[in-house]
Amino acid sequence: MKFTAEIDIMPLKALLDPQGKAISMGLSNMGLEKIENVRMGKHITLEVEAETKDAAKEKVDTACKKLLCNPIIEGYLFELNSVD
């Protein structure tokens, strides 16, 4: 079976996010005030071939832990959908 994974990787909330801060300041400079707590992350889409949805989840989780996400400064969530 083939699955599509939609992965969101974000900086941990306990850490400063300089990119988010720069975006927030830029929005304010453009006159878009009252926009706060901007966080900048990554969105990754990939396709996974696996026998079951659980096996696909395990593959995506391993990819996130070993390559896509730096667990010291980032966290991740993903959604898995079967490709029809």
N, C-alpha and C. Protein backbone atom coordinates (compact mmCIF):
# COMPACT_ATOMS: atom_id res chain seq x y z
N MET A 1 0.83 -1.18 0.00
CA MET A 1 0.00 0.00 0.00
C MET A 1 0.88 1.24 0.00
N LYS A 2 0.35 2.30 -0.57
CA LYS A 2 1.08 3.56 -0.61
C LYS A 2 0.36 4.58 0.26
N PHE A 3 1.15 5.33 1.03
CA PHE A 3 0.62 6.35 1.93
C PHE A 3 1.32 7.68 1.68
N THR A 4 0.62 8.76 1.97
CA THR A 4 1.20 10.10 1.92
C THR A 4 1.30 10.61 3.35
N ALA A 5 2.47 11.10 3.71
CA ALA A 5 2.69 11.67 5.04
C ALA A 5 2.84 13.18 4.91
N GLU A 6 2.10 13.90 5.72
CA GLU A 6 2.20 15.36 5.82
C GLU A 6 2.85 15.63 7.18
N ILE A 7 4.08 16.13 7.18
CA ILE A 7 4.87 16.29 8.40
C ILE A 7 5.07 17.77 8.69
N ASP A 8 4.78 18.18 9.91
CA ASP A 8 5.05 19.54 10.38
C ASP A 8 6.13 19.48 11.45
N ILE A 9 7.19 20.23 11.22
CA ILE A 9 8.32 20.30 12.16
C ILE A 9 8.41 21.74 12.66
N MET A 10 8.36 21.89 13.98
CA MET A 10 8.34 23.22 14.59
C MET A 10 9.39 23.32 15.69
N PRO A 11 9.92 24.53 15.93
CA PRO A 11 10.83 24.71 17.06
C PRO A 11 10.08 24.43 18.36
N LEU A 12 10.78 23.89 19.32
CA LEU A 12 10.17 23.65 20.63
C LEU A 12 9.71 24.98 21.23
N LYS A 13 8.58 24.97 21.90
CA LYS A 13 8.01 26.20 22.46
C LYS A 13 8.91 26.83 23.51
N ALA A 14 9.72 26.04 24.19
CA ALA A 14 10.60 26.56 25.23
C ALA A 14 11.79 27.33 24.67
N LEU A 15 12.03 27.22 23.37
CA LEU A 15 13.20 27.86 22.76
C LEU A 15 12.80 29.11 21.99
N LEU A 16 13.73 30.04 21.89
CA LEU A 16 13.52 31.23 21.08
C LEU A 16 13.43 30.83 19.61
N ASP A 17 12.64 31.58 18.86
CA ASP A 17 12.49 31.34 17.42
C ASP A 17 12.86 32.63 16.69
N PRO A 18 14.15 32.81 16.34
CA PRO A 18 14.57 34.06 15.70
C PRO A 18 13.87 34.32 14.37
N GLN A 19 13.57 33.28 13.60
CA GLN A 19 12.86 33.48 12.33
C GLN A 19 11.43 33.97 12.59
N GLY A 20 10.77 33.37 13.56
CA GLY A 20 9.43 33.82 13.91
C GLY A 20 9.42 35.25 14.41
N LYS A 21 10.44 35.61 15.20
CA LYS A 21 10.56 36.98 15.71
C LYS A 21 10.75 37.97 14.55
N ALA A 22 11.59 37.61 13.58
CA ALA A 22 11.82 38.48 12.42
C ALA A 22 10.54 38.66 11.61
N ILE A 23 9.78 37.59 11.44
CA ILE A 23 8.51 37.67 10.72
C ILE A 23 7.54 38.57 11.48
N SER A 24 7.47 38.39 12.77
CA SER A 24 6.58 39.21 13.61
C SER A 24 6.92 40.69 13.50
N MET A 25 8.21 41.01 13.55
CA MET A 25 8.64 42.40 13.43
C MET A 25 8.33 42.94 12.03
N GLY A 26 8.54 42.12 11.00
CA GLY A 26 8.24 42.53 9.63
C GLY A 26 6.76 42.83 9.44
N LEU A 27 5.91 41.99 10.02
CA LEU A 27 4.47 42.22 9.93
C LEU A 27 4.08 43.51 10.62
N SER A 28 4.69 43.75 11.78
CA SER A 28 4.42 44.98 12.53
C SER A 28 4.86 46.20 11.72
N ASN A 29 6.03 46.11 11.09
CA ASN A 29 6.53 47.22 10.26
C ASN A 29 5.65 47.48 9.04
N MET A 30 4.91 46.47 8.61
CA MET A 30 4.00 46.61 7.48
C MET A 30 2.63 47.15 7.91
N GLY A 31 2.49 47.40 9.21
CA GLY A 31 1.23 47.90 9.72
C GLY A 31 0.27 46.81 10.15
N LEU A 32 0.74 45.58 10.17
CA LEU A 32 -0.09 44.46 10.60
C LEU A 32 0.19 44.15 12.07
N GLU A 33 -0.33 45.02 12.93
CA GLU A 33 -0.09 44.84 14.36
C GLU A 33 -1.08 43.84 14.94
N LYS A 34 -0.89 43.51 16.18
CA LYS A 34 -1.73 42.55 16.91
C LYS A 34 -1.56 41.13 16.38
N ILE A 35 -0.46 40.85 15.69
CA ILE A 35 -0.11 39.49 15.30
C ILE A 35 1.09 39.12 16.15
N GLU A 36 0.92 38.11 17.00
CA GLU A 36 1.96 37.79 17.99
C GLU A 36 2.29 36.30 17.96
N ASN A 37 3.37 35.96 18.64
CA ASN A 37 3.79 34.57 18.84
C ASN A 37 3.94 33.81 17.52
N VAL A 38 4.58 34.43 16.54
CA VAL A 38 4.82 33.79 15.25
C VAL A 38 5.91 32.74 15.44
N ARG A 39 5.67 31.54 14.93
CA ARG A 39 6.65 30.46 14.97
C ARG A 39 6.87 29.99 13.54
N MET A 40 8.12 29.83 13.16
CA MET A 40 8.47 29.41 11.80
C MET A 40 8.93 27.97 11.84
N GLY A 41 8.36 27.14 10.97
CA GLY A 41 8.73 25.73 10.94
C GLY A 41 8.88 25.23 9.51
N LYS A 42 8.82 23.91 9.37
CA LYS A 42 8.95 23.26 8.06
C LYS A 42 7.76 22.34 7.85
N HIS A 43 7.35 22.21 6.59
CA HIS A 43 6.32 21.26 6.22
C HIS A 43 6.91 20.35 5.16
N ILE A 44 6.84 19.05 5.38
CA ILE A 44 7.42 18.06 4.46
C ILE A 44 6.32 17.08 4.07
N THR A 45 6.23 16.80 2.78
CA THR A 45 5.31 15.79 2.27
C THR A 45 6.13 14.67 1.64
N LEU A 46 5.77 13.44 1.94
CA LEU A 46 6.46 12.31 1.32
C LEU A 46 5.50 11.14 1.14
N GLU A 47 5.86 10.24 0.23
CA GLU A 47 5.08 9.03 0.01
C GLU A 47 5.84 7.85 0.58
N VAL A 48 5.08 6.93 1.19
CA VAL A 48 5.66 5.77 1.85
C VAL A 48 4.97 4.51 1.33
N GLU A 49 5.75 3.53 0.99
CA GLU A 49 5.22 2.22 0.60
C GLU A 49 5.38 1.31 1.81
N ALA A 50 4.26 0.71 2.25
CA ALA A 50 4.29 -0.18 3.41
C ALA A 50 3.11 -1.15 3.35
N GLU A 51 3.24 -2.25 4.05
CA GLU A 51 2.19 -3.27 4.06
C GLU A 51 0.94 -2.79 4.80
N THR A 52 1.13 -2.05 5.90
CA THR A 52 0.01 -1.58 6.72
C THR A 52 0.22 -0.12 7.09
N LYS A 53 -0.85 0.50 7.59
CA LYS A 53 -0.75 1.89 8.04
C LYS A 53 0.20 1.99 9.23
N ASP A 54 0.17 1.02 10.13
CA ASP A 54 1.08 1.04 11.28
C ASP A 54 2.53 0.96 10.85
N ALA A 55 2.82 0.13 9.83
CA ALA A 55 4.19 0.02 9.32
C ALA A 55 4.61 1.34 8.68
N ALA A 56 3.70 1.99 7.98
CA ALA A 56 4.01 3.29 7.37
C ALA A 56 4.28 4.33 8.45
N LYS A 57 3.46 4.33 9.51
CA LYS A 57 3.67 5.27 10.62
C LYS A 57 5.06 5.07 11.23
N GLU A 58 5.45 3.82 11.39
CA GLU A 58 6.77 3.53 11.96
C GLU A 58 7.89 4.05 11.07
N LYS A 59 7.74 3.89 9.75
CA LYS A 59 8.76 4.39 8.82
C LYS A 59 8.87 5.91 8.89
N VAL A 60 7.72 6.59 8.89
CA VAL A 60 7.73 8.05 8.94
C VAL A 60 8.31 8.54 10.27
N ASP A 61 7.92 7.89 11.36
CA ASP A 61 8.45 8.26 12.68
C ASP A 61 9.96 8.10 12.71
N THR A 62 10.47 7.02 12.16
CA THR A 62 11.92 6.79 12.11
C THR A 62 12.61 7.85 11.26
N ALA A 63 12.01 8.19 10.10
CA ALA A 63 12.59 9.23 9.24
C ALA A 63 12.67 10.56 9.97
N CYS A 64 11.61 10.88 10.72
CA CYS A 64 11.61 12.14 11.47
C CYS A 64 12.69 12.15 12.55
N LYS A 65 12.76 11.07 13.30
CA LYS A 65 13.72 10.99 14.42
C LYS A 65 15.17 10.97 13.94
N LYS A 66 15.44 10.29 12.83
CA LYS A 66 16.82 10.10 12.40
C LYS A 66 17.35 11.14 11.41
N LEU A 67 16.42 11.83 10.69
CA LEU A 67 16.91 12.74 9.66
C LEU A 67 16.18 14.07 9.59
N LEU A 68 14.88 14.04 9.59
CA LEU A 68 14.12 15.25 9.29
C LEU A 68 14.03 16.25 10.43
N CYS A 69 14.09 15.78 11.66
CA CYS A 69 13.89 16.64 12.82
C CYS A 69 15.10 16.58 13.75
N ASN A 70 15.49 17.73 14.27
CA ASN A 70 16.53 17.79 15.30
C ASN A 70 15.82 17.82 16.65
N PRO A 71 15.74 16.68 17.35
CA PRO A 71 14.93 16.60 18.56
C PRO A 71 15.41 17.50 19.71
N ILE A 72 16.60 18.05 19.60
CA ILE A 72 17.10 18.95 20.64
C ILE A 72 16.38 20.29 20.57
N ILE A 73 16.03 20.73 19.35
CA ILE A 73 15.40 22.04 19.20
C ILE A 73 14.04 22.01 18.50
N GLU A 74 13.63 20.83 17.99
CA GLU A 74 12.39 20.76 17.22
C GLU A 74 11.51 19.60 17.67
N GLY A 75 10.23 19.74 17.41
CA GLY A 75 9.27 18.66 17.60
C GLY A 75 8.54 18.46 16.28
N TYR A 76 7.85 17.34 16.15
CA TYR A 76 7.15 17.06 14.90
C TYR A 76 5.81 16.37 15.14
N LEU A 77 4.92 16.56 14.20
CA LEU A 77 3.63 15.87 14.14
C LEU A 77 3.44 15.48 12.69
N PHE A 78 2.76 14.35 12.45
CA PHE A 78 2.46 14.01 11.08
C PHE A 78 1.11 13.34 10.96
N GLU A 79 0.57 13.46 9.75
CA GLU A 79 -0.70 12.83 9.40
C GLU A 79 -0.43 11.91 8.23
N LEU A 80 -0.99 10.73 8.31
CA LEU A 80 -0.76 9.71 7.27
C LEU A 80 -2.08 9.40 6.58
N ASN A 81 -2.09 9.44 5.26
CA ASN A 81 -3.29 9.13 4.47
C ASN A 81 -2.94 8.12 3.41
N SER A 82 -3.86 7.20 3.15
CA SER A 82 -3.62 6.23 2.10
C SER A 82 -3.86 6.89 0.74
N VAL A 83 -3.05 6.47 -0.23
CA VAL A 83 -3.18 6.97 -1.59
C VAL A 83 -4.10 6.00 -2.33
N ASP A 84 -5.15 6.52 -2.88
CA ASP A 84 -6.12 5.66 -3.56
C ASP A 84 -5.72 5.36 -4.98
